[in-house]
Protein backbone atom coordinates (compact mmCIF):
# COMPACT_ATOMS: atom_id res chain seq x y z
CA UNK A 1 199.92 -33.12 59.33
CA UNK A 2 197.00 -35.37 59.97
CA UNK A 3 194.41 -34.99 57.10
CA UNK A 4 190.67 -33.49 57.54
CA UNK A 5 187.27 -34.54 56.28
CA UNK A 6 184.76 -33.40 53.88
CA UNK A 7 180.99 -34.06 55.01
CA UNK A 8 178.16 -33.61 52.64
CA UNK A 9 175.14 -32.42 54.50
CA UNK A 10 171.70 -32.32 53.13
CA UNK A 11 170.52 -28.89 54.53
CA UNK A 12 166.78 -29.79 53.86
CA UNK A 13 164.12 -27.44 51.99
CA UNK A 14 164.39 -24.70 53.86
CA UNK A 15 163.43 -24.82 57.34
CA UNK A 16 166.71 -24.73 59.45
CA UNK A 17 165.05 -27.07 62.41
CA UNK A 18 164.67 -29.86 59.63
CA UNK A 19 168.23 -30.79 59.66
CA UNK A 20 168.76 -34.25 61.02
CA UNK A 21 170.75 -34.45 64.33
CA UNK A 22 173.69 -35.81 62.96
CA UNK A 23 173.77 -32.92 60.42
CA UNK A 24 173.53 -30.58 62.96
CA UNK A 25 176.24 -32.65 65.10
CA UNK A 26 178.69 -32.08 61.92
CA UNK A 27 177.80 -28.65 61.38
CA UNK A 28 178.63 -27.34 64.93
CA UNK A 29 181.95 -29.25 64.54
CA UNK A 30 183.02 -28.07 61.25
CA UNK A 31 186.30 -25.72 60.86
CA UNK A 32 185.08 -24.58 57.38
CA UNK A 33 181.45 -24.35 55.87
CA UNK A 34 180.78 -24.06 52.07
CA UNK A 35 177.11 -23.48 51.59
CA UNK A 36 174.84 -22.98 48.49
CA UNK A 37 173.76 -19.34 49.17
CA UNK A 38 171.20 -19.35 46.33
CA UNK A 39 169.56 -22.23 47.58
CA UNK A 40 170.07 -22.85 51.39
CA UNK A 41 168.49 -20.79 54.00
CA UNK A 42 171.07 -18.91 55.44
CA UNK A 43 169.61 -19.47 58.83
CA UNK A 44 171.09 -22.94 59.03
CA UNK A 45 174.47 -21.61 59.52
CA UNK A 46 173.17 -20.71 63.14
CA UNK A 47 174.27 -23.90 64.01
CA UNK A 48 177.92 -23.39 62.60
CA UNK A 49 180.62 -22.25 64.71
CA UNK A 50 181.33 -18.63 65.74
CA UNK A 51 185.38 -19.11 64.51
CA UNK A 52 184.09 -21.19 61.34
CA UNK A 53 185.34 -20.04 58.02
CA UNK A 54 182.03 -19.27 56.07
CA UNK A 55 182.10 -19.87 52.29
CA UNK A 56 179.13 -18.89 49.86
CA UNK A 57 179.41 -20.95 46.71
CA UNK A 58 176.88 -19.45 44.69
CA UNK A 59 179.11 -17.64 42.30
CA UNK A 60 181.95 -20.45 42.12
CA UNK A 61 182.47 -23.13 39.75
CA UNK A 62 182.85 -26.67 40.52
CA UNK A 63 186.38 -26.50 40.37
CA UNK A 64 186.76 -23.95 42.66
CA UNK A 65 184.40 -25.19 45.30
CA UNK A 66 186.41 -28.71 45.33
CA UNK A 67 189.83 -26.69 45.40
CA UNK A 68 188.71 -24.93 48.63
CA UNK A 69 187.46 -28.31 50.15
CA UNK A 70 190.49 -30.22 49.40
CA UNK A 71 192.84 -27.64 50.29
CA UNK A 72 191.30 -27.12 53.94
CA UNK A 73 190.97 -30.86 54.34
CA UNK A 74 194.73 -31.18 53.57
CA UNK A 75 195.07 -28.69 56.12
CA UNK A 76 193.63 -31.08 58.87
CA UNK A 77 190.23 -29.15 58.89
CA UNK A 78 186.75 -30.53 59.09
CA UNK A 79 184.78 -29.05 56.01
CA UNK A 80 181.18 -29.26 55.78
CA UNK A 81 179.85 -29.12 52.46
CA UNK A 82 175.92 -28.00 52.69
CA UNK A 83 173.59 -28.67 49.73
CA UNK A 84 170.08 -27.88 49.63
CA UNK A 85 167.55 -30.51 49.87
CA UNK A 86 169.23 -33.94 49.72
CA UNK A 87 172.45 -34.09 47.67
CA UNK A 88 171.35 -37.53 46.27
CA UNK A 89 168.80 -36.40 44.01
CA UNK A 90 170.25 -33.27 42.19
CA UNK A 91 173.43 -31.62 43.57
CA UNK A 92 176.39 -32.62 41.27
CA UNK A 93 177.51 -34.68 44.20
CA UNK A 94 179.27 -37.31 42.33
CA UNK A 95 181.45 -34.62 40.56
CA UNK A 96 182.85 -33.39 44.28
CA UNK A 97 183.05 -36.90 45.43
CA UNK A 98 185.15 -37.92 42.45
CA UNK A 99 187.56 -34.65 42.82
CA UNK A 100 188.32 -35.59 46.39
CA UNK A 101 188.59 -39.35 45.64
CA UNK A 102 191.22 -38.19 42.95
CA UNK A 103 192.83 -35.96 45.96
CA UNK A 104 192.83 -38.57 48.34
CA UNK A 105 190.59 -36.95 50.86
CA UNK A 106 188.37 -38.66 53.00
CA UNK A 107 184.58 -37.95 52.74
CA UNK A 108 181.22 -38.63 54.76
CA UNK A 109 177.34 -38.12 53.49
CA UNK A 110 174.70 -37.24 56.11
CA UNK A 111 171.45 -36.99 53.98
CA UNK A 112 168.72 -34.28 54.24
CA UNK A 113 165.12 -33.98 53.38
CA UNK A 114 164.49 -33.45 49.55
CA UNK A 115 161.95 -30.65 48.41
CA UNK A 116 159.58 -33.32 47.40
CA UNK A 117 159.15 -34.50 50.41
CA UNK A 118 159.12 -31.14 52.23
CA UNK A 119 156.21 -30.08 49.57
CA UNK A 120 154.17 -33.03 50.40
CA UNK A 121 154.62 -32.26 54.18
CA UNK A 122 153.41 -28.87 54.07
CA UNK A 123 150.54 -30.01 51.96
CA UNK A 124 149.66 -32.83 54.33
CA UNK A 125 149.46 -35.20 51.74
CA UNK A 126 151.29 -38.55 50.67
CA UNK A 127 153.24 -38.96 47.46
CA UNK A 128 151.30 -42.32 47.14
CA UNK A 129 147.98 -43.34 47.84
CA UNK A 130 146.60 -46.91 48.74
CA UNK A 131 144.97 -48.60 45.69
CA UNK A 132 145.39 -45.42 43.99
CA UNK A 133 149.07 -44.42 43.27
CA UNK A 134 151.96 -46.69 43.89
CA UNK A 135 154.65 -45.17 41.88
CA UNK A 136 156.44 -41.82 42.32
CA UNK A 137 158.41 -40.01 39.08
CA UNK A 138 160.91 -37.70 40.32
CA UNK A 139 162.30 -35.57 37.24
CA UNK A 140 163.62 -32.46 36.22
CA UNK A 141 162.25 -29.91 33.50
CA UNK A 142 165.34 -28.59 31.41
CA UNK A 143 165.32 -25.31 28.82
CA UNK A 144 168.77 -25.51 27.57
CA UNK A 145 170.43 -28.40 28.90
CA UNK A 146 169.79 -31.47 26.97
CA UNK A 147 168.69 -34.58 28.73
CA UNK A 148 167.86 -38.23 28.17
CA UNK A 149 163.85 -38.61 28.44
CA UNK A 150 160.98 -35.85 28.99
CA UNK A 151 158.01 -35.32 31.16
CA UNK A 152 156.28 -36.22 28.00
CA UNK A 153 157.89 -39.56 28.00
CA UNK A 154 156.94 -39.94 31.69
CA UNK A 155 153.60 -38.54 31.65
CA UNK A 156 151.68 -41.54 30.54
CA UNK A 157 152.52 -43.48 33.53
CA UNK A 158 150.35 -40.85 35.66
CA UNK A 159 147.43 -42.58 33.70
CA UNK A 160 148.63 -45.77 35.43
CA UNK A 161 148.74 -45.01 39.20
CA UNK A 162 151.78 -42.64 39.30
CA UNK A 163 152.93 -39.63 40.57
CA UNK A 164 155.18 -37.01 39.18
CA UNK A 165 157.30 -34.79 41.20
CA UNK A 166 159.05 -31.97 39.00
CA UNK A 167 162.17 -29.98 40.05
CA UNK A 168 163.26 -26.92 38.17
CA UNK A 169 160.13 -26.56 36.18
CA UNK A 170 158.16 -23.86 37.56
CA UNK A 171 160.28 -21.20 35.14
CA UNK A 172 158.95 -23.22 32.43
CA UNK A 173 155.61 -23.93 33.59
CA UNK A 174 154.39 -23.71 29.78
CA UNK A 175 156.50 -26.11 28.58
CA UNK A 176 156.14 -28.53 31.43
CA UNK A 177 152.04 -28.37 30.75
CA UNK A 178 152.57 -28.62 27.42
CA UNK A 179 154.44 -32.16 27.61
CA UNK A 180 151.94 -33.10 30.18
CA UNK A 181 149.09 -32.94 27.65
CA UNK A 182 151.09 -34.35 24.99
CA UNK A 183 151.80 -37.43 27.02
CA UNK A 184 147.99 -37.80 27.14
CA UNK A 185 147.28 -36.26 30.85
CA UNK A 186 144.05 -34.65 30.91
CA UNK A 187 143.25 -31.10 31.96
CA UNK A 188 141.52 -32.13 34.87
CA UNK A 189 144.58 -33.63 36.64
CA UNK A 190 145.55 -32.33 39.96
CA UNK A 191 148.72 -30.04 40.21
CA UNK A 192 150.20 -28.34 43.02
CA UNK A 193 153.05 -25.90 42.76
CA UNK A 194 154.69 -24.95 46.28
CA UNK A 195 157.06 -22.36 46.33
CA UNK A 196 160.00 -22.57 48.97
CA UNK A 197 158.49 -25.25 50.73
CA UNK A 198 159.01 -24.90 54.79
CA UNK A 199 160.58 -21.44 54.50
CA UNK A 200 158.48 -18.36 56.14
CA UNK A 201 157.32 -17.12 52.87
CA UNK A 202 156.36 -20.38 51.15
CA UNK A 203 153.24 -20.38 48.76
CA UNK A 204 150.92 -22.79 47.57
CA UNK A 205 149.05 -22.90 44.32
CA UNK A 206 146.61 -25.64 43.92
CA UNK A 207 145.28 -26.25 40.16
CA UNK A 208 144.89 -28.83 37.36
CA UNK A 209 147.04 -28.92 34.44
CA UNK A 210 144.38 -27.31 32.42
CA UNK A 211 145.02 -24.06 34.72
CA UNK A 212 148.15 -24.07 36.59
CA UNK A 213 150.22 -22.14 34.57
CA UNK A 214 148.11 -19.29 34.73
CA UNK A 215 147.91 -19.44 38.42
CA UNK A 216 151.60 -19.60 38.52
CA UNK A 217 151.81 -16.75 36.54
CA UNK A 218 149.43 -14.42 38.38
CA UNK A 219 151.69 -15.29 41.58
CA UNK A 220 154.76 -14.14 39.34
CA UNK A 221 156.69 -17.43 40.70
CA UNK A 222 159.62 -18.25 38.76
CA UNK A 223 161.81 -20.21 40.88
CA UNK A 224 162.29 -22.34 43.95
CA UNK A 225 159.24 -24.21 43.56
CA UNK A 226 158.29 -28.02 43.25
CA UNK A 227 155.37 -29.31 41.04
CA UNK A 228 153.59 -32.14 42.21
CA UNK A 229 150.99 -33.80 39.41
CA UNK A 230 148.83 -36.73 39.84
CA UNK A 231 146.13 -38.00 41.81
CA UNK A 232 148.07 -37.22 45.17
CA UNK A 233 147.94 -33.76 44.35
CA UNK A 234 144.04 -33.71 45.28
CA UNK A 235 143.44 -36.64 47.65
CA UNK A 236 140.17 -35.39 48.83
CA UNK A 237 138.81 -37.00 45.29
CA UNK A 238 139.34 -40.29 46.75
CA UNK A 239 138.38 -39.99 50.46
CA UNK A 240 135.87 -42.84 50.25
CA UNK A 241 138.29 -45.21 48.30
CA UNK A 242 141.38 -45.34 50.25
CA UNK A 243 141.95 -47.78 52.91
CA UNK A 244 145.71 -48.96 53.83
CA UNK A 245 145.49 -52.76 53.92
CA UNK A 246 148.09 -52.63 56.58
CA UNK A 247 145.56 -51.16 59.17
CA UNK A 248 142.71 -52.99 57.79
CA UNK A 249 141.10 -55.35 60.60
CA UNK A 250 140.51 -57.66 57.84
CA UNK A 251 143.88 -57.82 56.72
CA UNK A 252 146.58 -59.97 58.54
CA UNK A 253 150.42 -59.68 58.69
CA UNK A 254 153.54 -61.31 60.66
CA UNK A 255 152.68 -58.54 63.38
CA UNK A 256 148.72 -58.66 63.27
CA UNK A 257 147.65 -61.99 62.54
CA UNK A 258 144.19 -63.01 61.67
CA UNK A 259 141.75 -63.18 64.50
CA UNK A 260 140.06 -66.17 65.34
CA UNK A 261 136.28 -65.71 64.72
CA UNK A 262 134.26 -66.95 67.81
């Protein structure tokens, strides 16, 4: 029997139309679809075949998930593994890949839009600003799982032209704020929390390090949110300071040489 294949698909932050064309094509072709029901918008499944086997992996362990993928691929089937956002940031991708490699099952990777980008799009902001913020720190908060490094360790960079995108932190908002302050971030630093970015029921909570925890609690938001911290969270403060050199008429580059003065 011919070996099948597993296709990892980034399902995006929520809006099913934010799948890439390649992701939609692979999903339409798949014999089996495994999706993280606790995170992936089930509306994405409208692109799946009517006769496809659909598996909600929300209650399954890593071993149970990989066993299904390996078994179905060895039956010659095309297996689509839908992961929320983009699997290249958080999502246990490498562990599933290792299991497939050990089993001799081929795989393909189709990236998606991560929640940080979805949130920035919803807000109409950039995660960098010319001459204001040039670095993006992507991190996550954790209550019980030990991690190397913490928000406190990275927080000082917010005072040196960096922005921070924090995953899995809204349920720990007091801890997040405390670590930002311990890292030297002042109370007036802008913060935006986006709940379920690009979903129909998304919410946007704007504030500062000093008041964001109170605002989040008032909205009773405890999950599915992206926290963006830094000057980029309120770009209106810098409206008169920002000018991209690439599009500045006084700046020359290979596609737009400096004009001769007459």
